[in-house]
């Protein structure tokens, strides 16, 4: 549940992204076209982070806690010191990278 009315932040971002793609992109060329494509990609990333981020963050926190660390800095320190290692660490890092790719560029997962 959210304290805000519709449209959601993700819906607003999607609307701007769609506008850029359908109305602006066909009407521009050169440098402006390139930057419009970049803006469309950035908005798609923001939209995915808004939709996926809270659940990904909660799942990541559970995995960190299971290894006895509070955050990524604590995980890095524990790995560096040799305090933790093994398949659980590998799986946590694999899932963290996958979550990042789901937001940044899900096409890389295919």
Protein backbone atom coordinates (compact mmCIF):
# COMPACT_ATOMS: atom_id res chain seq x y z
CA UNK A 1 0.00 0.00 0.00
CA UNK A 2 1.24 3.45 -0.84
CA UNK A 3 0.31 6.83 0.60
CA UNK A 4 0.22 8.29 -2.91
CA UNK A 5 -2.60 8.24 -5.41
CA UNK A 6 -2.37 6.93 -8.95
CA UNK A 7 -0.40 7.21 -11.06
CA UNK A 8 2.52 5.63 -9.27
CA UNK A 9 6.06 6.88 -9.71
CA UNK A 10 6.77 3.89 -11.97
CA UNK A 11 3.72 4.73 -14.10
CA UNK A 12 4.83 8.35 -14.43
CA UNK A 13 8.32 7.30 -15.46
CA UNK A 14 6.84 4.85 -18.00
CA UNK A 15 4.64 7.59 -19.45
CA UNK A 16 7.61 9.92 -19.97
CA UNK A 17 9.66 7.07 -21.43
CA UNK A 18 6.84 6.19 -23.84
CA UNK A 19 6.46 9.85 -24.87
CA UNK A 20 10.16 10.15 -25.62
CA UNK A 21 10.13 6.95 -27.61
CA UNK A 22 6.98 7.56 -29.62
CA UNK A 23 6.90 11.35 -30.06
CA UNK A 24 10.37 12.78 -29.54
CA UNK A 25 12.70 10.10 -30.92
CA UNK A 26 11.17 10.01 -34.42
CA UNK A 27 11.34 13.82 -34.63
CA UNK A 28 15.00 14.31 -33.77
CA UNK A 29 18.36 13.26 -35.16
CA UNK A 30 22.04 13.37 -34.43
CA UNK A 31 23.17 14.27 -30.93
CA UNK A 32 19.63 14.95 -29.67
CA UNK A 33 18.49 11.54 -30.96
CA UNK A 34 21.40 9.85 -29.16
CA UNK A 35 20.63 11.66 -25.89
CA UNK A 36 16.94 10.85 -26.26
CA UNK A 37 17.82 7.16 -26.54
CA UNK A 38 20.02 7.48 -23.44
CA UNK A 39 17.15 9.17 -21.58
CA UNK A 40 14.75 6.40 -22.62
CA UNK A 41 17.19 3.77 -21.32
CA UNK A 42 17.71 5.65 -18.05
CA UNK A 43 13.95 5.97 -17.51
CA UNK A 44 13.52 2.25 -18.18
CA UNK A 45 16.14 1.53 -15.52
CA UNK A 46 14.44 3.85 -13.04
CA UNK A 47 11.09 2.21 -13.75
CA UNK A 48 12.52 -1.27 -13.16
CA UNK A 49 14.22 -0.13 -9.95
CA UNK A 50 10.97 1.36 -8.67
CA UNK A 51 9.13 -1.88 -9.43
CA UNK A 52 11.77 -4.42 -8.40
CA UNK A 53 13.98 -2.55 -5.94
CA UNK A 54 12.05 -2.90 -2.68
CA UNK A 55 11.66 -6.68 -3.01
CA UNK A 56 15.25 -7.08 -4.18
CA UNK A 57 16.51 -5.02 -1.22
CA UNK A 58 14.49 -7.09 1.26
CA UNK A 59 15.74 -10.37 -0.20
CA UNK A 60 19.33 -9.11 -0.20
CA UNK A 61 19.04 -8.05 3.45
CA UNK A 62 17.82 -11.54 4.39
CA UNK A 63 20.75 -13.16 2.57
CA UNK A 64 23.23 -10.78 4.23
CA UNK A 65 21.75 -11.47 7.66
CA UNK A 66 22.03 -15.22 7.06
CA UNK A 67 25.77 -14.70 6.61
CA UNK A 68 25.95 -12.56 9.74
CA UNK A 69 26.69 -9.23 8.05
CA UNK A 70 24.62 -6.05 8.04
CA UNK A 71 25.40 -4.62 4.61
CA UNK A 72 27.57 -4.91 1.51
CA UNK A 73 30.48 -3.15 3.22
CA UNK A 74 30.35 -5.71 6.02
CA UNK A 75 30.18 -8.52 3.46
CA UNK A 76 33.22 -7.17 1.62
CA UNK A 77 35.17 -6.83 4.86
CA UNK A 78 34.27 -10.36 5.95
CA UNK A 79 35.29 -11.79 2.59
CA UNK A 80 38.52 -9.79 2.56
CA UNK A 81 39.46 -10.96 6.05
CA UNK A 82 38.66 -14.59 5.22
CA UNK A 83 35.97 -14.66 7.89
CA UNK A 84 33.38 -15.98 5.43
CA UNK A 85 33.71 -17.93 2.21
CA UNK A 86 32.05 -20.79 0.42
CA UNK A 87 29.00 -21.55 -1.67
CA UNK A 88 26.69 -19.33 0.42
CA UNK A 89 28.83 -16.29 -0.36
CA UNK A 90 29.01 -17.22 -4.02
CA UNK A 91 25.24 -17.60 -4.18
CA UNK A 92 24.66 -14.26 -2.45
CA UNK A 93 26.97 -12.47 -4.87
CA UNK A 94 25.41 -14.27 -7.85
CA UNK A 95 21.91 -13.21 -6.77
CA UNK A 96 23.07 -9.64 -6.10
CA UNK A 97 24.58 -9.36 -9.57
CA UNK A 98 21.45 -10.86 -11.12
CA UNK A 99 19.28 -8.29 -9.28
CA UNK A 100 21.50 -5.47 -10.57
CA UNK A 101 21.18 -6.77 -14.13
CA UNK A 102 17.40 -7.12 -13.80
CA UNK A 103 17.36 -3.37 -13.26
CA UNK A 104 20.26 -2.14 -15.38
CA UNK A 105 19.81 -4.32 -18.46
CA UNK A 106 17.69 -7.48 -18.25
CA UNK A 107 18.71 -8.34 -21.80
CA UNK A 108 22.11 -9.41 -20.48
CA UNK A 109 20.41 -12.23 -18.57
CA UNK A 110 19.19 -13.92 -21.76
